[in-house]
Structures are given as C-alpha cells and as structure tokens.
Amino acid sequence: MTRGNQRDMDRAKAQKKLAEQNKGKKKDGVSHAKRAESDAEIMRAKQAAKEAAKAAGQAAPAKK
C-alpha cells in the first residue's frame, strides 16, 4: 500500500502553486480599514484639486 513519492511530489507542486499565487501581493501590515481610509483621503485631495482648477477656469493638470 505504498504510494512512492507521489505524496511528496503533490506537496511540492502545491507549494509552488501557492508561491506563484502570492507572488505579487503586498504584505505591508496595514489593515484593510486603514488602507481604505488612506485611499479615500488621497481621492478627496485629488478631487479638491480638480475642483479648484475647474473653478479657476483652467483645464485639469496633466498626469505625470
């Protein structure tokens, strides 16, 4: 009832697959709520700048 090295091969394959899935993900220790608040603050600042430029009669500043 031996399976040879099939179990070890499957474990190695699973670890490799998991490593590939997690390759591009960030792990910076910031919670979801803090990140959402930070992103919202950035968007509010961008929106305020755009509204100020529009009120001044200018086109929106070009992206870098």
N, C-alpha and C. Protein backbone atom coordinates (compact mmCIF):
# COMPACT_ATOMS: atom_id res chain seq x y z
N MET A 1 0.81 -1.18 0.00
CA MET A 1 0.00 0.00 0.00
C MET A 1 0.86 1.26 0.00
N THR A 2 1.99 1.19 -0.60
CA THR A 2 2.86 2.37 -0.67
C THR A 2 2.49 3.20 -1.89
N ARG A 3 2.72 4.47 -1.76
CA ARG A 3 2.39 5.37 -2.86
C ARG A 3 3.64 5.94 -3.48
N GLY A 4 4.78 5.47 -3.08
CA GLY A 4 6.02 6.01 -3.61
C GLY A 4 6.21 7.45 -3.17
N ASN A 5 6.66 8.28 -4.08
CA ASN A 5 6.90 9.67 -3.72
C ASN A 5 5.77 10.58 -4.24
N GLN A 6 4.65 10.01 -4.58
CA GLN A 6 3.54 10.79 -5.14
C GLN A 6 3.07 11.87 -4.15
N ARG A 7 2.96 11.51 -2.90
CA ARG A 7 2.51 12.47 -1.88
C ARG A 7 3.49 13.63 -1.77
N ASP A 8 4.79 13.32 -1.75
CA ASP A 8 5.80 14.38 -1.67
C ASP A 8 5.78 15.25 -2.91
N MET A 9 5.60 14.65 -4.05
CA MET A 9 5.54 15.41 -5.31
C MET A 9 4.33 16.34 -5.32
N ASP A 10 3.19 15.85 -4.84
CA ASP A 10 1.98 16.68 -4.79
C ASP A 10 2.15 17.84 -3.82
N ARG A 11 2.80 17.61 -2.70
CA ARG A 11 3.04 18.70 -1.75
C ARG A 11 3.95 19.76 -2.36
N ALA A 12 4.99 19.34 -3.03
CA ALA A 12 5.90 20.29 -3.66
C ALA A 12 5.18 21.10 -4.74
N LYS A 13 4.34 20.43 -5.51
CA LYS A 13 3.57 21.10 -6.55
C LYS A 13 2.61 22.13 -5.95
N ALA A 14 1.97 21.76 -4.85
CA ALA A 14 1.03 22.67 -4.19
C ALA A 14 1.76 23.88 -3.62
N GLN A 15 2.93 23.68 -3.05
CA GLN A 15 3.71 24.80 -2.51
C GLN A 15 4.14 25.74 -3.62
N LYS A 16 4.55 25.20 -4.74
CA LYS A 16 4.96 26.03 -5.87
C LYS A 16 3.79 26.85 -6.40
N LYS A 17 2.62 26.21 -6.48
CA LYS A 17 1.42 26.90 -6.96
C LYS A 17 1.03 28.03 -6.01
N LEU A 18 1.10 27.77 -4.71
CA LEU A 18 0.77 28.78 -3.72
C LEU A 18 1.75 29.95 -3.78
N ALA A 19 3.02 29.66 -3.98
CA ALA A 19 4.03 30.72 -4.08
C ALA A 19 3.76 31.60 -5.29
N GLU A 20 3.36 31.00 -6.39
CA GLU A 20 3.05 31.77 -7.61
C GLU A 20 1.83 32.67 -7.39
N GLN A 21 0.83 32.18 -6.66
CA GLN A 21 -0.37 32.97 -6.41
C GLN A 21 -0.08 34.17 -5.51
N ASN A 22 0.82 34.00 -4.56
CA ASN A 22 1.12 35.06 -3.61
C ASN A 22 2.27 35.95 -4.05
N LYS A 23 2.76 35.75 -5.25
CA LYS A 23 3.94 36.45 -5.72
C LYS A 23 3.78 37.97 -5.74
N GLY A 24 2.68 38.47 -6.27
CA GLY A 24 2.53 39.90 -6.43
C GLY A 24 1.78 40.60 -5.32
N LYS A 25 1.39 39.90 -4.30
CA LYS A 25 0.59 40.51 -3.24
C LYS A 25 1.48 41.24 -2.25
N LYS A 26 0.98 42.37 -1.78
CA LYS A 26 1.73 43.15 -0.79
C LYS A 26 1.37 42.69 0.61
N LYS A 27 2.34 42.67 1.46
CA LYS A 27 2.14 42.35 2.87
C LYS A 27 2.83 43.46 3.67
N ASP A 28 2.20 44.64 3.74
CA ASP A 28 2.85 45.75 4.42
C ASP A 28 2.32 45.98 5.83
N GLY A 29 1.42 45.13 6.31
CA GLY A 29 0.95 45.23 7.67
C GLY A 29 -0.13 46.27 7.90
N VAL A 30 -0.66 46.88 6.85
CA VAL A 30 -1.71 47.87 7.00
C VAL A 30 -3.06 47.16 6.90
N SER A 31 -3.92 47.44 7.87
CA SER A 31 -5.22 46.79 7.86
C SER A 31 -6.08 47.33 6.72
N HIS A 32 -7.11 46.58 6.42
CA HIS A 32 -7.99 46.97 5.31
C HIS A 32 -8.66 48.32 5.58
N ALA A 33 -9.09 48.53 6.81
CA ALA A 33 -9.77 49.79 7.16
C ALA A 33 -8.82 50.98 7.03
N LYS A 34 -7.58 50.82 7.49
CA LYS A 34 -6.61 51.91 7.38
C LYS A 34 -6.28 52.20 5.92
N ARG A 35 -6.13 51.15 5.13
CA ARG A 35 -5.83 51.35 3.71
C ARG A 35 -6.99 52.05 3.01
N ALA A 36 -8.21 51.65 3.32
CA ALA A 36 -9.39 52.27 2.71
C ALA A 36 -9.46 53.74 3.07
N GLU A 37 -9.20 54.07 4.33
CA GLU A 37 -9.23 55.47 4.77
C GLU A 37 -8.13 56.28 4.07
N SER A 38 -6.95 55.69 3.97
CA SER A 38 -5.84 56.37 3.29
C SER A 38 -6.17 56.62 1.83
N ASP A 39 -6.69 55.62 1.16
CA ASP A 39 -7.06 55.77 -0.25
C ASP A 39 -8.16 56.81 -0.42
N ALA A 40 -9.12 56.82 0.49
CA ALA A 40 -10.20 57.80 0.43
C ALA A 40 -9.66 59.22 0.60
N GLU A 41 -8.72 59.40 1.51
CA GLU A 41 -8.13 60.72 1.73
C GLU A 41 -7.38 61.19 0.48
N ILE A 42 -6.66 60.31 -0.16
CA ILE A 42 -5.95 60.65 -1.39
C ILE A 42 -6.94 61.06 -2.48
N MET A 43 -8.02 60.31 -2.61
CA MET A 43 -9.02 60.62 -3.63
C MET A 43 -9.71 61.96 -3.33
N ARG A 44 -9.98 62.25 -2.06
CA ARG A 44 -10.58 63.53 -1.70
C ARG A 44 -9.65 64.68 -2.07
N ALA A 45 -8.35 64.51 -1.82
CA ALA A 45 -7.38 65.55 -2.16
C ALA A 45 -7.33 65.77 -3.68
N LYS A 46 -7.35 64.69 -4.44
CA LYS A 46 -7.34 64.80 -5.90
C LYS A 46 -8.60 65.51 -6.40
N GLN A 47 -9.73 65.14 -5.82
CA GLN A 47 -11.00 65.73 -6.23
C GLN A 47 -11.01 67.23 -5.90
N ALA A 48 -10.52 67.61 -4.72
CA ALA A 48 -10.48 69.02 -4.35
C ALA A 48 -9.58 69.81 -5.29
N ALA A 49 -8.44 69.23 -5.66
CA ALA A 49 -7.52 69.91 -6.58
C ALA A 49 -8.17 70.09 -7.95
N LYS A 50 -8.87 69.08 -8.39
CA LYS A 50 -9.52 69.16 -9.69
C LYS A 50 -10.64 70.21 -9.68
N GLU A 51 -11.42 70.23 -8.60
CA GLU A 51 -12.49 71.22 -8.49
C GLU A 51 -11.92 72.64 -8.41
N ALA A 52 -10.80 72.81 -7.71
CA ALA A 52 -10.17 74.12 -7.61
C ALA A 52 -9.68 74.58 -8.99
N ALA A 53 -9.10 73.67 -9.75
CA ALA A 53 -8.62 74.01 -11.09
C ALA A 53 -9.79 74.35 -12.00
N LYS A 54 -10.88 73.62 -11.86
CA LYS A 54 -12.07 73.87 -12.67
C LYS A 54 -12.69 75.22 -12.31
N ALA A 55 -12.71 75.55 -11.03
CA ALA A 55 -13.26 76.82 -10.57
C ALA A 55 -12.41 77.99 -11.07
N ALA A 56 -11.13 77.78 -11.20
CA ALA A 56 -10.23 78.82 -11.67
C ALA A 56 -10.31 78.96 -13.19
N GLY A 57 -11.04 78.08 -13.83
CA GLY A 57 -11.19 78.16 -15.28
C GLY A 57 -10.10 77.49 -16.07
N GLN A 58 -9.33 76.69 -15.41
CA GLN A 58 -8.22 76.00 -16.08
C GLN A 58 -8.64 74.57 -16.40
N ALA A 59 -7.91 74.00 -17.32
CA ALA A 59 -8.06 72.57 -17.57
C ALA A 59 -7.38 71.83 -16.43
N ALA A 60 -7.76 70.59 -16.23
CA ALA A 60 -7.14 69.78 -15.19
C ALA A 60 -5.65 69.61 -15.49
N PRO A 61 -4.81 69.62 -14.46
CA PRO A 61 -3.37 69.42 -14.68
C PRO A 61 -3.09 68.06 -15.34
N ALA A 62 -2.10 68.04 -16.18
CA ALA A 62 -1.75 66.81 -16.88
C ALA A 62 -1.15 65.80 -15.93
N LYS A 63 -1.41 64.54 -16.20
CA LYS A 63 -0.83 63.47 -15.38
C LYS A 63 0.64 63.33 -15.72
N LYS A 64 1.39 62.87 -14.73
CA LYS A 64 2.82 62.64 -14.95
C LYS A 64 3.03 61.24 -15.42
